[in-house]
């Protein structure tokens, strides 16, 4: 594979992270403020839980919004990891650490952006929730890589080494 093809492949690995970053930025507009999402979510919650108090419905709405933070930054974290890893395979602590640094920095920038948006406000708590989503996602990436590596045949046992494996033993 030539160097130019490798460079393009590496750049293509960043497209999902860029798309998720754009999605996060769109979700940070006034169209997705608590007041705006409440217009849709609160009637739905009231329909699902007709006996719930207004305070309970408010807390459920808040919980949904905070889980959205965890989910979107978890997804962002996974896509950043994919970009950093490029065409390589496996998991490295340095990749995960770089991923977390980028995700948390973007979370801070996202909250700073919200400080200028009508109906939105910047909260350090939301950066922490976003960081939690990124850390949880990186934990899942690490667990997945460990699980997947359990199914990889070591090179000394592969058919390339001239030995044949039958019934799981040499």
C-alpha atoms as a PDB file:
ATOM      1  CA  UNK A   1       0.000   0.000   0.000  1.00  0.00           C
ATOM      2  CA  UNK A   2       1.505   3.362  -0.962  1.00  0.00           C
ATOM      3  CA  UNK A   3       1.954   6.255   1.468  1.00  0.00           C
ATOM      4  CA  UNK A   4      -0.698   8.447  -0.176  1.00  0.00           C
ATOM      5  CA  UNK A   5      -3.361   5.711   0.213  1.00  0.00           C
ATOM      6  CA  UNK A   6      -2.410   5.271   3.867  1.00  0.00           C
ATOM      7  CA  UNK A   7      -2.728   9.030   4.497  1.00  0.00           C
ATOM      8  CA  UNK A   8      -6.214   9.161   2.937  1.00  0.00           C
ATOM      9  CA  UNK A   9      -7.307   6.133   4.926  1.00  0.00           C
ATOM     10  CA  UNK A  10      -6.086   7.802   8.113  1.00  0.00           C
ATOM     11  CA  UNK A  11      -8.011  10.970   7.288  1.00  0.00           C
ATOM     12  CA  UNK A  12     -11.161   9.000   6.479  1.00  0.00           C
ATOM     13  CA  UNK A  13     -11.038   7.473   9.971  1.00  0.00           C
ATOM     14  CA  UNK A  14     -11.715  10.961  11.376  1.00  0.00           C
ATOM     15  CA  UNK A  15     -14.970  11.518   9.457  1.00  0.00           C
ATOM     16  CA  UNK A  16     -17.212   9.868  12.117  1.00  0.00           C
ATOM     17  CA  UNK A  17     -15.670  12.019  14.878  1.00  0.00           C
ATOM     18  CA  UNK A  18     -16.146  15.160  12.804  1.00  0.00           C
ATOM     19  CA  UNK A  19     -19.792  14.252  12.137  1.00  0.00           C
ATOM     20  CA  UNK A  20     -20.460  13.586  15.834  1.00  0.00           C
ATOM     21  CA  UNK A  21     -18.757  16.884  16.749  1.00  0.00           C
ATOM     22  CA  UNK A  22     -21.089  18.661  14.322  1.00  0.00           C
ATOM     23  CA  UNK A  23     -24.065  16.857  15.891  1.00  0.00           C
ATOM     24  CA  UNK A  24     -22.948  17.923  19.372  1.00  0.00           C
ATOM     25  CA  UNK A  25     -22.656  21.512  18.175  1.00  0.00           C
ATOM     26  CA  UNK A  26     -26.153  21.365  16.689  1.00  0.00           C
ATOM     27  CA  UNK A  27     -27.519  19.961  19.948  1.00  0.00           C
ATOM     28  CA  UNK A  28     -25.937  22.941  21.731  1.00  0.00           C
ATOM     29  CA  UNK A  29     -28.149  25.440  19.957  1.00  0.00           C
ATOM     30  CA  UNK A  30     -31.215  27.063  21.473  1.00  0.00           C
ATOM     31  CA  UNK A  31     -33.375  24.555  19.581  1.00  0.00           C
ATOM     32  CA  UNK A  32     -32.319  21.900  22.091  1.00  0.00           C
ATOM     33  CA  UNK A  33     -32.506  23.962  25.277  1.00  0.00           C
ATOM     34  CA  UNK A  34     -34.350  22.527  28.247  1.00  0.00           C
ATOM     35  CA  UNK A  35     -37.373  24.678  27.452  1.00  0.00           C
ATOM     36  CA  UNK A  36     -37.489  23.475  23.839  1.00  0.00           C
ATOM     37  CA  UNK A  37     -36.974  19.762  24.565  1.00  0.00           C
ATOM     38  CA  UNK A  38     -39.477  20.046  27.399  1.00  0.00           C
ATOM     39  CA  UNK A  39     -42.190  20.890  24.870  1.00  0.00           C
ATOM     40  CA  UNK A  40     -41.827  17.389  23.439  1.00  0.00           C
ATOM     41  CA  UNK A  41     -40.489  15.330  26.335  1.00  0.00           C
ATOM     42  CA  UNK A  42     -42.734  16.583  29.149  1.00  0.00           C
ATOM     43  CA  UNK A  43     -46.059  15.651  27.460  1.00  0.00           C
ATOM     44  CA  UNK A  44     -44.591  12.263  26.583  1.00  0.00           C
ATOM     45  CA  UNK A  45     -43.465  11.719  30.180  1.00  0.00           C
ATOM     46  CA  UNK A  46     -46.864  12.856  31.447  1.00  0.00           C
ATOM     47  CA  UNK A  47     -48.528  10.346  29.120  1.00  0.00           C
ATOM     48  CA  UNK A  48     -46.162   7.540  30.251  1.00  0.00           C
ATOM     49  CA  UNK A  49     -46.477   8.425  33.957  1.00  0.00           C
ATOM     50  CA  UNK A  50     -49.894  10.051  34.432  1.00  0.00           C
ATOM     51  CA  UNK A  51     -49.668   9.922  38.227  1.00  0.00           C
ATOM     52  CA  UNK A  52     -46.238  11.556  38.433  1.00  0.00           C
ATOM     53  CA  UNK A  53     -45.937  14.936  40.097  1.00  0.00           C
ATOM     54  CA  UNK A  54     -44.685  17.920  38.121  1.00  0.00           C
ATOM     55  CA  UNK A  55     -41.443  17.765  40.130  1.00  0.00           C
ATOM     56  CA  UNK A  56     -40.963  14.084  39.220  1.00  0.00           C
ATOM     57  CA  UNK A  57     -41.606  14.839  35.548  1.00  0.00           C
ATOM     58  CA  UNK A  58     -39.078  17.670  35.718  1.00  0.00           C
ATOM     59  CA  UNK A  59     -36.475  15.351  37.283  1.00  0.00           C
ATOM     60  CA  UNK A  60     -37.117  12.696  34.634  1.00  0.00           C
ATOM     61  CA  UNK A  61     -36.685  15.304  31.907  1.00  0.00           C
ATOM     62  CA  UNK A  62     -33.451  16.475  33.511  1.00  0.00           C
ATOM     63  CA  UNK A  63     -32.229  12.885  33.765  1.00  0.00           C
ATOM     64  CA  UNK A  64     -32.983  12.280  30.091  1.00  0.00           C
ATOM     65  CA  UNK A  65     -31.062  15.413  29.146  1.00  0.00           C
ATOM     66  CA  UNK A  66     -28.037  14.393  31.243  1.00  0.00           C
ATOM     67  CA  UNK A  67     -28.095  10.853  29.817  1.00  0.00           C
ATOM     68  CA  UNK A  68     -28.052  12.493  26.389  1.00  0.00           C
ATOM     69  CA  UNK A  69     -24.790  14.205  27.425  1.00  0.00           C
ATOM     70  CA  UNK A  70     -23.311  10.861  28.497  1.00  0.00           C
ATOM     71  CA  UNK A  71     -24.469   9.179  25.295  1.00  0.00           C
ATOM     72  CA  UNK A  72     -23.319  11.838  22.852  1.00  0.00           C
ATOM     73  CA  UNK A  73     -19.884  12.202  24.432  1.00  0.00           C
ATOM     74  CA  UNK A  74     -19.586   8.428  24.731  1.00  0.00           C
ATOM     75  CA  UNK A  75     -20.209   8.164  21.001  1.00  0.00           C
ATOM     76  CA  UNK A  76     -17.828  11.069  20.379  1.00  0.00           C
ATOM     77  CA  UNK A  77     -15.157   9.324  22.443  1.00  0.00           C
ATOM     78  CA  UNK A  78     -15.495   6.110  20.437  1.00  0.00           C
ATOM     79  CA  UNK A  79     -15.273   7.949  17.128  1.00  0.00           C
ATOM     80  CA  UNK A  80     -12.247   9.962  18.285  1.00  0.00           C
ATOM     81  CA  UNK A  81     -10.537   6.728  19.320  1.00  0.00           C
ATOM     82  CA  UNK A  82     -11.280   5.368  15.839  1.00  0.00           C
ATOM     83  CA  UNK A  83      -9.661   8.449  14.309  1.00  0.00           C
ATOM     84  CA  UNK A  84      -6.579   8.285  16.516  1.00  0.00           C
ATOM     85  CA  UNK A  85      -6.150   4.581  15.914  1.00  0.00           C
ATOM     86  CA  UNK A  86      -6.381   5.135  12.172  1.00  0.00           C
ATOM     87  CA  UNK A  87      -5.913   1.949  10.208  1.00  0.00           C
ATOM     88  CA  UNK A  88      -4.140   0.228  13.079  1.00  0.00           C
ATOM     89  CA  UNK A  89      -5.702  -2.491  15.216  1.00  0.00           C
ATOM     90  CA  UNK A  90      -5.850  -3.043  18.934  1.00  0.00           C
ATOM     91  CA  UNK A  91      -5.965  -0.740  21.922  1.00  0.00           C
ATOM     92  CA  UNK A  92      -3.298   1.433  23.492  1.00  0.00           C
ATOM     93  CA  UNK A  93      -3.475   3.452  26.677  1.00  0.00           C
ATOM     94  CA  UNK A  94      -1.915   6.438  24.875  1.00  0.00           C
ATOM     95  CA  UNK A  95      -4.730   6.360  22.297  1.00  0.00           C
ATOM     96  CA  UNK A  96      -7.369   6.293  25.037  1.00  0.00           C
ATOM     97  CA  UNK A  97      -5.657   9.119  26.944  1.00  0.00           C
ATOM     98  CA  UNK A  98      -5.452  11.285  23.807  1.00  0.00           C
ATOM     99  CA  UNK A  99      -9.101  10.480  23.099  1.00  0.00           C
ATOM    100  CA  UNK A 100     -10.141  11.618  26.578  1.00  0.00           C
ATOM    101  CA  UNK A 101      -8.093  14.808  26.291  1.00  0.00           C
ATOM    102  CA  UNK A 102      -9.799  15.703  23.004  1.00  0.00           C
ATOM    103  CA  UNK A 103     -13.292  14.775  24.241  1.00  0.00           C
ATOM    104  CA  UNK A 104     -13.002  16.742  27.498  1.00  0.00           C
ATOM    105  CA  UNK A 105     -11.513  19.746  25.691  1.00  0.00           C
ATOM    106  CA  UNK A 106     -14.401  19.671  23.228  1.00  0.00           C
ATOM    107  CA  UNK A 107     -16.853  19.379  26.135  1.00  0.00           C
ATOM    108  CA  UNK A 108     -15.358  22.536  27.634  1.00  0.00           C
ATOM    109  CA  UNK A 109     -15.559  24.338  24.289  1.00  0.00           C
ATOM    110  CA  UNK A 110     -19.149  23.162  23.890  1.00  0.00           C
ATOM    111  CA  UNK A 111     -20.124  24.623  27.262  1.00  0.00           C
ATOM    112  CA  UNK A 112     -18.267  27.855  26.475  1.00  0.00           C
ATOM    113  CA  UNK A 113     -20.220  28.040  23.201  1.00  0.00           C
ATOM    114  CA  UNK A 114     -23.472  27.564  25.133  1.00  0.00           C
ATOM    115  CA  UNK A 115     -22.652  30.608  27.281  1.00  0.00           C
ATOM    116  CA  UNK A 116     -23.341  32.730  24.170  1.00  0.00           C
ATOM    117  CA  UNK A 117     -26.527  30.917  23.109  1.00  0.00           C
ATOM    118  CA  UNK A 118     -29.948  32.261  24.184  1.00  0.00           C
ATOM    119  CA  UNK A 119     -31.815  29.889  26.520  1.00  0.00           C
ATOM    120  CA  UNK A 120     -28.559  27.995  27.242  1.00  0.00           C
ATOM    121  CA  UNK A 121     -25.929  28.382  29.928  1.00  0.00           C
ATOM    122  CA  UNK A 122     -22.487  26.962  30.527  1.00  0.00           C
ATOM    123  CA  UNK A 123     -22.134  24.539  33.428  1.00  0.00           C
ATOM    124  CA  UNK A 124     -18.982  22.880  34.694  1.00  0.00           C
ATOM    125  CA  UNK A 125     -21.222  20.032  35.840  1.00  0.00           C
ATOM    126  CA  UNK A 126     -22.107  19.311  32.216  1.00  0.00           C
ATOM    127  CA  UNK A 127     -18.413  19.114  31.291  1.00  0.00           C
ATOM    128  CA  UNK A 128     -18.021  16.551  34.079  1.00  0.00           C
ATOM    129  CA  UNK A 129     -21.023  14.582  32.781  1.00  0.00           C
ATOM    130  CA  UNK A 130     -19.605  14.708  29.250  1.00  0.00           C
ATOM    131  CA  UNK A 131     -16.241  13.505  30.584  1.00  0.00           C
ATOM    132  CA  UNK A 132     -18.019  10.661  32.367  1.00  0.00           C
ATOM    133  CA  UNK A 133     -19.573   9.606  29.054  1.00  0.00           C
ATOM    134  CA  UNK A 134     -16.156   9.679  27.375  1.00  0.00           C
ATOM    135  CA  UNK A 135     -14.529   7.646  30.180  1.00  0.00           C
ATOM    136  CA  UNK A 136     -17.336   5.072  30.190  1.00  0.00           C
ATOM    137  CA  UNK A 137     -17.029   4.699  26.419  1.00  0.00           C
ATOM    138  CA  UNK A 138     -13.257   4.242  26.628  1.00  0.00           C
ATOM    139  CA  UNK A 139     -13.794   1.604  29.294  1.00  0.00           C
ATOM    140  CA  UNK A 140     -16.134  -0.198  26.893  1.00  0.00           C
ATOM    141  CA  UNK A 141     -13.598   0.150  24.064  1.00  0.00           C
ATOM    142  CA  UNK A 142     -10.915  -1.365  26.300  1.00  0.00           C
ATOM    143  CA  UNK A 143     -13.201  -4.216  27.416  1.00  0.00           C
ATOM    144  CA  UNK A 144     -14.209  -4.890  23.811  1.00  0.00           C
ATOM    145  CA  UNK A 145     -10.569  -4.998  22.696  1.00  0.00           C
ATOM    146  CA  UNK A 146      -9.741  -7.445  25.505  1.00  0.00           C
ATOM    147  CA  UNK A 147     -12.753  -9.601  24.670  1.00  0.00           C
ATOM    148  CA  UNK A 148     -11.956  -9.553  20.968  1.00  0.00           C
ATOM    149  CA  UNK A 149      -8.292 -10.422  21.590  1.00  0.00           C
ATOM    150  CA  UNK A 150      -9.445 -13.631  23.313  1.00  0.00           C
ATOM    151  CA  UNK A 151     -10.680 -14.836  19.926  1.00  0.00           C
ATOM    152  CA  UNK A 152      -7.512 -14.074  17.974  1.00  0.00           C
ATOM    153  CA  UNK A 153      -5.299 -17.061  17.233  1.00  0.00           C
ATOM    154  CA  UNK A 154      -1.736 -16.326  18.407  1.00  0.00           C
ATOM    155  CA  UNK A 155       0.804 -16.273  15.529  1.00  0.00           C
ATOM    156  CA  UNK A 156       2.616 -19.353  16.831  1.00  0.00           C
ATOM    157  CA  UNK A 157      -0.644 -21.311  16.490  1.00  0.00           C
ATOM    158  CA  UNK A 158      -1.778 -19.948  13.141  1.00  0.00           C
ATOM    159  CA  UNK A 159      -1.679 -21.987   9.954  1.00  0.00           C
ATOM    160  CA  UNK A 160       1.043 -19.627   8.708  1.00  0.00           C
ATOM    161  CA  UNK A 161       3.499 -21.152  11.189  1.00  0.00           C
ATOM    162  CA  UNK A 162       3.314 -24.551   9.510  1.00  0.00           C
ATOM    163  CA  UNK A 163       1.523 -26.194  12.448  1.00  0.00           C
ATOM    164  CA  UNK A 164      -2.029 -27.340  12.240  1.00  0.00           C
ATOM    165  CA  UNK A 165      -4.503 -26.921  15.083  1.00  0.00           C
ATOM    166  CA  UNK A 166      -7.089 -29.674  15.506  1.00  0.00           C
ATOM    167  CA  UNK A 167      -9.683 -29.701  18.210  1.00  0.00           C
ATOM    168  CA  UNK A 168      -8.110 -26.659  19.911  1.00  0.00           C
ATOM    169  CA  UNK A 169      -4.768 -28.370  20.637  1.00  0.00           C
ATOM    170  CA  UNK A 170      -1.551 -28.815  18.704  1.00  0.00           C
END
